Amino acid sequence: KGERNRVTVKIALVKESQDWVLSVADDGPGFTFRETDRRASGLGFVSGLARQLRGALEITADRGARCVVRFGGRHNADS
């Protein structure tokens, strides 16, 4: 039997100044956006969540994948 690969996932919700910042990050192999089908990967869901919160979505893929949604404060259209 081969060695089992493990990926660590970190989830955080923190307050930064006037914004709430929700981040989900892992230390897996990452991905490129051209290779990823947004619907199949769940990125469409995350993008919709950011829109509903009137927030901003940032996705990076360096030494794993990281999705960050900033909302409230300066990102809220009602503020």
PDB file of N, CA and C in Angstrom:
ATOM      1  N   LYS A   1       0.828  -1.177   0.000  1.00  0.00           N
ATOM      2  CA  LYS A   1       0.000   0.000   0.000  1.00  0.00           C
ATOM      3  C   LYS A   1       0.875   1.244   0.000  1.00  0.00           C
ATOM      4  N   GLY A   2       0.501   2.232  -0.820  1.00  0.00           N
ATOM      5  CA  GLY A   2       1.272   3.463  -0.912  1.00  0.00           C
ATOM      6  C   GLY A   2       1.019   4.397   0.250  1.00  0.00           C
ATOM      7  N   GLU A   3       1.892   5.379   0.350  1.00  0.00           N
ATOM      8  CA  GLU A   3       1.733   6.385   1.401  1.00  0.00           C
ATOM      9  C   GLU A   3       0.512   7.248   1.113  1.00  0.00           C
ATOM     10  N   ARG A   4      -0.255   7.502   2.119  1.00  0.00           N
ATOM     11  CA  ARG A   4      -1.472   8.298   1.969  1.00  0.00           C
ATOM     12  C   ARG A   4      -1.126   9.790   2.006  1.00  0.00           C
ATOM     13  N   ASN A   5      -1.604  10.532   0.995  1.00  0.00           N
ATOM     14  CA  ASN A   5      -1.377  11.973   0.966  1.00  0.00           C
ATOM     15  C   ASN A   5      -2.404  12.667   1.843  1.00  0.00           C
ATOM     16  N   ARG A   6      -1.969  13.668   2.544  1.00  0.00           N
ATOM     17  CA  ARG A   6      -2.863  14.426   3.418  1.00  0.00           C
ATOM     18  C   ARG A   6      -2.796  15.902   3.048  1.00  0.00           C
ATOM     19  N   VAL A   7      -3.947  16.543   3.149  1.00  0.00           N
ATOM     20  CA  VAL A   7      -4.045  17.967   2.892  1.00  0.00           C
ATOM     21  C   VAL A   7      -4.648  18.612   4.128  1.00  0.00           C
ATOM     22  N   THR A   8      -4.061  19.703   4.568  1.00  0.00           N
ATOM     23  CA  THR A   8      -4.574  20.449   5.711  1.00  0.00           C
ATOM     24  C   THR A   8      -5.423  21.603   5.198  1.00  0.00           C
ATOM     25  N   VAL A   9      -6.619  21.750   5.760  1.00  0.00           N
ATOM     26  CA  VAL A   9      -7.528  22.830   5.395  1.00  0.00           C
ATOM     27  C   VAL A   9      -7.691  23.741   6.605  1.00  0.00           C
ATOM     28  N   LYS A  10      -7.545  25.043   6.380  1.00  0.00           N
ATOM     29  CA  LYS A  10      -7.710  26.022   7.454  1.00  0.00           C
ATOM     30  C   LYS A  10      -8.864  26.956   7.089  1.00  0.00           C
ATOM     31  N   ILE A  11      -9.764  27.153   8.031  1.00  0.00           N
ATOM     32  CA  ILE A  11     -10.913  28.035   7.848  1.00  0.00           C
ATOM     33  C   ILE A  11     -10.859  29.096   8.939  1.00  0.00           C
ATOM     34  N   ALA A  12     -11.038  30.361   8.535  1.00  0.00           N
ATOM     35  CA  ALA A  12     -10.989  31.442   9.520  1.00  0.00           C
ATOM     36  C   ALA A  12     -12.022  32.508   9.172  1.00  0.00           C
ATOM     37  N   LEU A  13     -12.577  33.111  10.205  1.00  0.00           N
ATOM     38  CA  LEU A  13     -13.453  34.276  10.064  1.00  0.00           C
ATOM     39  C   LEU A  13     -12.932  35.296  11.060  1.00  0.00           C
ATOM     40  N   VAL A  14     -12.399  36.399  10.544  1.00  0.00           N
ATOM     41  CA  VAL A  14     -11.811  37.417  11.410  1.00  0.00           C
ATOM     42  C   VAL A  14     -12.335  38.793  11.029  1.00  0.00           C
ATOM     43  N   LYS A  15     -12.263  39.702  11.969  1.00  0.00           N
ATOM     44  CA  LYS A  15     -12.649  41.093  11.743  1.00  0.00           C
ATOM     45  C   LYS A  15     -11.376  41.883  11.472  1.00  0.00           C
ATOM     46  N   GLU A  16     -11.320  42.552  10.320  1.00  0.00           N
ATOM     47  CA  GLU A  16     -10.189  43.407   9.968  1.00  0.00           C
ATOM     48  C   GLU A  16     -10.730  44.800   9.712  1.00  0.00           C
ATOM     49  N   SER A  17     -10.446  45.706  10.613  1.00  0.00           N
ATOM     50  CA  SER A  17     -10.965  47.073  10.517  1.00  0.00           C
ATOM     51  C   SER A  17     -12.480  47.012  10.438  1.00  0.00           C
ATOM     52  N   GLN A  18     -13.084  47.464   9.344  1.00  0.00           N
ATOM     53  CA  GLN A  18     -14.540  47.437   9.211  1.00  0.00           C
ATOM     54  C   GLN A  18     -15.046  46.202   8.478  1.00  0.00           C
ATOM     55  N   ASP A  19     -14.151  45.380   7.965  1.00  0.00           N
ATOM     56  CA  ASP A  19     -14.532  44.216   7.163  1.00  0.00           C
ATOM     57  C   ASP A  19     -14.504  42.924   7.965  1.00  0.00           C
ATOM     58  N   TRP A  20     -15.351  41.994   7.572  1.00  0.00           N
ATOM     59  CA  TRP A  20     -15.238  40.605   7.993  1.00  0.00           C
ATOM     60  C   TRP A  20     -14.503  39.884   6.874  1.00  0.00           C
ATOM     61  N   VAL A  21     -13.600  38.993   7.227  1.00  0.00           N
ATOM     62  CA  VAL A  21     -12.810  38.256   6.246  1.00  0.00           C
ATOM     63  C   VAL A  21     -12.971  36.761   6.521  1.00  0.00           C
ATOM     64  N   LEU A  22     -13.583  36.068   5.574  1.00  0.00           N
ATOM     65  CA  LEU A  22     -13.761  34.621   5.651  1.00  0.00           C
ATOM     66  C   LEU A  22     -12.751  33.995   4.694  1.00  0.00           C
ATOM     67  N   SER A  23     -11.882  33.137   5.202  1.00  0.00           N
ATOM     68  CA  SER A  23     -10.896  32.504   4.332  1.00  0.00           C
ATOM     69  C   SER A  23     -10.895  30.995   4.522  1.00  0.00           C
ATOM     70  N   VAL A  24     -10.704  30.313   3.410  1.00  0.00           N
ATOM     71  CA  VAL A  24     -10.553  28.861   3.388  1.00  0.00           C
ATOM     72  C   VAL A  24      -9.301  28.588   2.568  1.00  0.00           C
ATOM     73  N   ALA A  25      -8.346  27.913   3.184  1.00  0.00           N
ATOM     74  CA  ALA A  25      -7.068  27.660   2.516  1.00  0.00           C
ATOM     75  C   ALA A  25      -6.637  26.220   2.755  1.00  0.00           C
ATOM     76  N   ASP A  26      -5.901  25.668   1.787  1.00  0.00           N
ATOM     77  CA  ASP A  26      -5.334  24.332   1.963  1.00  0.00           C
ATOM     78  C   ASP A  26      -3.905  24.324   1.470  1.00  0.00           C
ATOM     79  N   ASP A  27      -3.192  23.259   1.797  1.00  0.00           N
ATOM     80  CA  ASP A  27      -1.804  23.120   1.352  1.00  0.00           C
ATOM     81  C   ASP A  27      -1.671  22.012   0.308  1.00  0.00           C
ATOM     82  N   GLY A  28      -2.751  21.823  -0.457  1.00  0.00           N
ATOM     83  CA  GLY A  28      -2.764  20.804  -1.512  1.00  0.00           C
ATOM     84  C   GLY A  28      -2.005  21.260  -2.743  1.00  0.00           C
ATOM     85  N   PRO A  29      -2.214  20.573  -3.849  1.00  0.00           N
ATOM     86  CA  PRO A  29      -1.457  20.863  -5.076  1.00  0.00           C
ATOM     87  C   PRO A  29      -1.876  22.161  -5.763  1.00  0.00           C
ATOM     88  N   GLY A  30      -2.967  22.784  -5.323  1.00  0.00           N
ATOM     89  CA  GLY A  30      -3.430  24.004  -5.979  1.00  0.00           C
ATOM     90  C   GLY A  30      -4.101  23.677  -7.300  1.00  0.00           C
ATOM     91  N   PHE A  31      -4.384  24.697  -8.082  1.00  0.00           N
ATOM     92  CA  PHE A  31      -5.033  24.510  -9.369  1.00  0.00           C
ATOM     93  C   PHE A  31      -4.834  25.761 -10.200  1.00  0.00           C
ATOM     94  N   THR A  32      -5.084  25.639 -11.481  1.00  0.00           N
ATOM     95  CA  THR A  32      -5.114  26.816 -12.335  1.00  0.00           C
ATOM     96  C   THR A  32      -6.558  27.044 -12.733  1.00  0.00           C
ATOM     97  N   PHE A  33      -6.929  28.287 -12.913  1.00  0.00           N
ATOM     98  CA  PHE A  33      -8.324  28.607 -13.204  1.00  0.00           C
ATOM     99  C   PHE A  33      -8.760  28.052 -14.555  1.00  0.00           C
ATOM    100  N   ARG A  34      -7.849  27.900 -15.488  1.00  0.00           N
ATOM    101  CA  ARG A  34      -8.197  27.326 -16.791  1.00  0.00           C
ATOM    102  C   ARG A  34      -8.586  25.861 -16.655  1.00  0.00           C
ATOM    103  N   GLU A  35      -7.966  25.160 -15.696  1.00  0.00           N
ATOM    104  CA  GLU A  35      -8.246  23.735 -15.504  1.00  0.00           C
ATOM    105  C   GLU A  35      -9.516  23.497 -14.697  1.00  0.00           C
ATOM    106  N   THR A  36      -9.983  24.499 -13.980  1.00  0.00           N
ATOM    107  CA  THR A  36     -11.070  24.319 -13.027  1.00  0.00           C
ATOM    108  C   THR A  36     -12.399  24.774 -13.605  1.00  0.00           C
ATOM    109  N   ASP A  37     -13.366  23.893 -13.585  1.00  0.00           N
ATOM    110  CA  ASP A  37     -14.731  24.249 -13.944  1.00  0.00           C
ATOM    111  C   ASP A  37     -15.353  24.886 -12.717  1.00  0.00           C
ATOM    112  N   ARG A  38     -15.686  26.161 -12.799  1.00  0.00           N
ATOM    113  CA  ARG A  38     -16.191  26.889 -11.625  1.00  0.00           C
ATOM    114  C   ARG A  38     -17.386  26.205 -10.981  1.00  0.00           C
ATOM    115  N   ARG A  39     -18.289  25.660 -11.770  1.00  0.00           N
ATOM    116  CA  ARG A  39     -19.460  25.008 -11.180  1.00  0.00           C
ATOM    117  C   ARG A  39     -19.086  23.711 -10.484  1.00  0.00           C
ATOM    118  N   ALA A  40     -18.260  22.912 -11.121  1.00  0.00           N
ATOM    119  CA  ALA A  40     -17.888  21.615 -10.553  1.00  0.00           C
ATOM    120  C   ALA A  40     -17.041  21.772  -9.302  1.00  0.00           C
ATOM    121  N   SER A  41     -16.262  22.833  -9.221  1.00  0.00           N
ATOM    122  CA  SER A  41     -15.359  23.005  -8.089  1.00  0.00           C
ATOM    123  C   SER A  41     -16.003  23.696  -6.901  1.00  0.00           C
ATOM    124  N   GLY A  42     -17.188  24.233  -7.081  1.00  0.00           N
ATOM    125  CA  GLY A  42     -17.831  24.974  -5.997  1.00  0.00           C
ATOM    126  C   GLY A  42     -17.516  26.454  -6.033  1.00  0.00           C
ATOM    127  N   LEU A  43     -16.649  26.885  -6.956  1.00  0.00           N
ATOM    128  CA  LEU A  43     -16.308  28.303  -7.033  1.00  0.00           C
ATOM    129  C   LEU A  43     -17.504  29.161  -7.422  1.00  0.00           C
ATOM    130  N   GLY A  44     -18.436  28.594  -8.176  1.00  0.00           N
ATOM    131  CA  GLY A  44     -19.656  29.319  -8.518  1.00  0.00           C
ATOM    132  C   GLY A  44     -20.473  29.598  -7.265  1.00  0.00           C
ATOM    133  N   PHE A  45     -20.526  28.640  -6.361  1.00  0.00           N
ATOM    134  CA  PHE A  45     -21.231  28.811  -5.086  1.00  0.00           C
ATOM    135  C   PHE A  45     -20.574  29.916  -4.262  1.00  0.00           C
ATOM    136  N   VAL A  46     -19.259  29.895  -4.178  1.00  0.00           N
ATOM    137  CA  VAL A  46     -18.520  30.882  -3.391  1.00  0.00           C
ATOM    138  C   VAL A  46     -18.680  32.275  -3.997  1.00  0.00           C
ATOM    139  N   SER A  47     -18.632  32.350  -5.314  1.00  0.00           N
ATOM    140  CA  SER A  47     -18.831  33.626  -5.993  1.00  0.00           C
ATOM    141  C   SER A  47     -20.224  34.184  -5.707  1.00  0.00           C
ATOM    142  N   GLY A  48     -21.231  33.314  -5.737  1.00  0.00           N
ATOM    143  CA  GLY A  48     -22.598  33.730  -5.415  1.00  0.00           C
ATOM    144  C   GLY A  48     -22.730  34.187  -3.977  1.00  0.00           C
ATOM    145  N   LEU A  49     -22.051  33.513  -3.062  1.00  0.00           N
ATOM    146  CA  LEU A  49     -22.057  33.906  -1.656  1.00  0.00           C
ATOM    147  C   LEU A  49     -21.466  35.307  -1.506  1.00  0.00           C
ATOM    148  N   ALA A  50     -20.349  35.558  -2.171  1.00  0.00           N
ATOM    149  CA  ALA A  50     -19.722  36.879  -2.092  1.00  0.00           C
ATOM    150  C   ALA A  50     -20.669  37.955  -2.617  1.00  0.00           C
ATOM    151  N   ARG A  51     -21.363  37.673  -3.711  1.00  0.00           N
ATOM    152  CA  ARG A  51     -22.330  38.650  -4.261  1.00  0.00           C
ATOM    153  C   ARG A  51     -23.463  38.908  -3.276  1.00  0.00           C
ATOM    154  N   GLN A  52     -24.007  37.848  -2.673  1.00  0.00           N
ATOM    155  CA  GLN A  52     -25.095  38.012  -1.713  1.00  0.00           C
ATOM    156  C   GLN A  52     -24.665  38.839  -0.508  1.00  0.00           C
ATOM    157  N   LEU A  53     -23.432  38.709  -0.106  1.00  0.00           N
ATOM    158  CA  LEU A  53     -22.906  39.475   1.025  1.00  0.00           C
ATOM    159  C   LEU A  53     -22.422  40.862   0.610  1.00  0.00           C
ATOM    160  N   ARG A  54     -22.562  41.162  -0.687  1.00  0.00           N
ATOM    161  CA  ARG A  54     -22.055  42.417  -1.255  1.00  0.00           C
ATOM    162  C   ARG A  54     -20.569  42.577  -0.938  1.00  0.00           C
ATOM    163  N   GLY A  55     -19.860  41.482  -1.108  1.00  0.00           N
ATOM    164  CA  GLY A  55     -18.444  41.448  -0.765  1.00  0.00           C
ATOM    165  C   GLY A  55     -17.564  41.263  -1.981  1.00  0.00           C
ATOM    166  N   ALA A  56     -16.304  41.037  -1.697  1.00  0.00           N
ATOM    167  CA  ALA A  56     -15.288  40.834  -2.728  1.00  0.00           C
ATOM    168  C   ALA A  56     -14.675  39.450  -2.547  1.00  0.00           C
ATOM    169  N   LEU A  57     -14.461  38.757  -3.655  1.00  0.00           N
ATOM    170  CA  LEU A  57     -13.877  37.420  -3.642  1.00  0.00           C
ATOM    171  C   LEU A  57     -12.477  37.481  -4.223  1.00  0.00           C
ATOM    172  N   GLU A  58     -11.550  36.845  -3.532  1.00  0.00           N
ATOM    173  CA  GLU A  58     -10.170  36.741  -4.015  1.00  0.00           C
ATOM    174  C   GLU A  58      -9.763  35.275  -3.945  1.00  0.00           C
ATOM    175  N   ILE A  59      -9.223  34.759  -5.043  1.00  0.00           N
ATOM    176  CA  ILE A  59      -8.786  33.362  -5.082  1.00  0.00           C
ATOM    177  C   ILE A  59      -7.327  33.336  -5.509  1.00  0.00           C
ATOM    178  N   THR A  60      -6.502  32.635  -4.748  1.00  0.00           N
ATOM    179  CA  THR A  60      -5.106  32.466  -5.113  1.00  0.00           C
ATOM    180  C   THR A  60      -4.775  30.978  -5.097  1.00  0.00           C
ATOM    181  N   ALA A  61      -3.783  30.613  -5.851  1.00  0.00           N
ATOM    182  CA  ALA A  61      -3.368  29.214  -5.934  1.00  0.00           C
ATOM    183  C   ALA A  61      -1.845  29.148  -5.905  1.00  0.00           C
ATOM    184  N   ASP A  62      -1.289  29.446  -4.741  1.00  0.00           N
ATOM    185  CA  ASP A  62       0.150  29.412  -4.551  1.00  0.00           C
ATOM    186  C   ASP A  62       0.427  28.544  -3.328  1.00  0.00           C
ATOM    187  N   ARG A  63       1.122  27.432  -3.514  1.00  0.00           N
ATOM    188  CA  ARG A  63       1.355  26.466  -2.437  1.00  0.00           C
ATOM    189  C   ARG A  63       0.034  26.023  -1.824  1.00  0.00           C
ATOM    190  N   GLY A  64      -0.908  25.650  -2.673  1.00  0.00           N
ATOM    191  CA  GLY A  64      -2.247  25.264  -2.246  1.00  0.00           C
ATOM    192  C   GLY A  64      -3.258  26.212  -2.861  1.00  0.00           C
ATOM    193  N   ALA A  65      -4.446  26.223  -2.325  1.00  0.00           N
ATOM    194  CA  ALA A  65      -5.502  27.110  -2.813  1.00  0.00           C
ATOM    195  C   ALA A  65      -6.020  27.926  -1.631  1.00  0.00           C
ATOM    196  N   ARG A  66      -6.413  29.170  -1.915  1.00  0.00           N
ATOM    197  CA  ARG A  66      -6.952  30.037  -0.865  1.00  0.00           C
ATOM    198  C   ARG A  66      -8.074  30.880  -1.453  1.00  0.00           C
ATOM    199  N   CYS A  67      -9.231  30.825  -0.816  1.00  0.00           N
ATOM    200  CA  CYS A  67     -10.384  31.644  -1.203  1.00  0.00           C
ATOM    201  C   CYS A  67     -10.693  32.575  -0.042  1.00  0.00           C
ATOM    202  N   VAL A  68     -10.818  33.862  -0.351  1.00  0.00           N
ATOM    203  CA  VAL A  68     -11.089  34.868   0.672  1.00  0.00           C
ATOM    204  C   VAL A  68     -12.299  35.684   0.240  1.00  0.00           C
ATOM    205  N   VAL A  69     -13.270  35.810   1.137  1.00  0.00           N
ATOM    206  CA  VAL A  69     -14.437  36.669   0.910  1.00  0.00           C
ATOM    207  C   VAL A  69     -14.388  37.770   1.952  1.00  0.00           C
ATOM    208  N   ARG A  70     -14.325  39.028   1.486  1.00  0.00           N
ATOM    209  CA  ARG A  70     -14.356  40.198   2.371  1.00  0.00           C
ATOM    210  C   ARG A  70     -15.728  40.830   2.247  1.00  0.00           C
ATOM    211  N   PHE A  71     -16.359  41.110   3.390  1.00  0.00           N
ATOM    212  CA  PHE A  71     -17.691  41.695   3.335  1.00  0.00           C
ATOM    213  C   PHE A  71     -17.923  42.584   4.548  1.00  0.00           C
ATOM    214  N   GLY A  72     -18.992  43.383   4.468  1.00  0.00           N
ATOM    215  CA  GLY A  72     -19.280  44.350   5.526  1.00  0.00           C
ATOM    216  C   GLY A  72     -18.432  45.589   5.319  1.00  0.00           C
ATOM    217  N   GLY A  73     -18.541  46.539   6.204  1.00  0.00           N
ATOM    218  CA  GLY A  73     -17.679  47.718   6.159  1.00  0.00           C
ATOM    219  C   GLY A  73     -17.640  48.372   4.805  1.00  0.00           C
ATOM    220  N   ARG A  74     -16.461  48.575   4.286  1.00  0.00           N
ATOM    221  CA  ARG A  74     -16.286  49.289   3.020  1.00  0.00           C
ATOM    222  C   ARG A  74     -16.764  48.504   1.812  1.00  0.00           C
ATOM    223  N   HIS A  75     -16.953  47.189   1.938  1.00  0.00           N
ATOM    224  CA  HIS A  75     -17.424  46.387   0.810  1.00  0.00           C
ATOM    225  C   HIS A  75     -18.935  46.347   0.718  1.00  0.00           C
ATOM    226  N   ASN A  76     -19.632  46.803   1.741  1.00  0.00           N
ATOM    227  CA  ASN A  76     -21.090  46.739   1.761  1.00  0.00           C
ATOM    228  C   ASN A  76     -21.674  47.933   1.028  1.00  0.00           C
ATOM    229  N   ALA A  77     -22.494  47.673   0.023  1.00  0.00           N
ATOM    230  CA  ALA A  77     -23.081  48.757  -0.785  1.00  0.00           C
ATOM    231  C   ALA A  77     -24.013  49.627   0.041  1.00  0.00           C
ATOM    232  N   ASP A  78     -24.531  49.133   1.187  1.00  0.00           N
ATOM    233  CA  ASP A  78     -25.428  49.916   2.013  1.00  0.00           C
ATOM    234  C   ASP A  78     -24.708  50.851   2.968  1.00  0.00           C
ATOM    235  N   SER A  79     -23.386  50.722   3.072  1.00  0.00           N
ATOM    236  CA  SER A  79     -22.634  51.542   4.034  1.00  0.00           C
ATOM    237  C   SER A  79     -22.312  52.888   3.459  1.00  0.00           C
TER     238      SER A  79
END
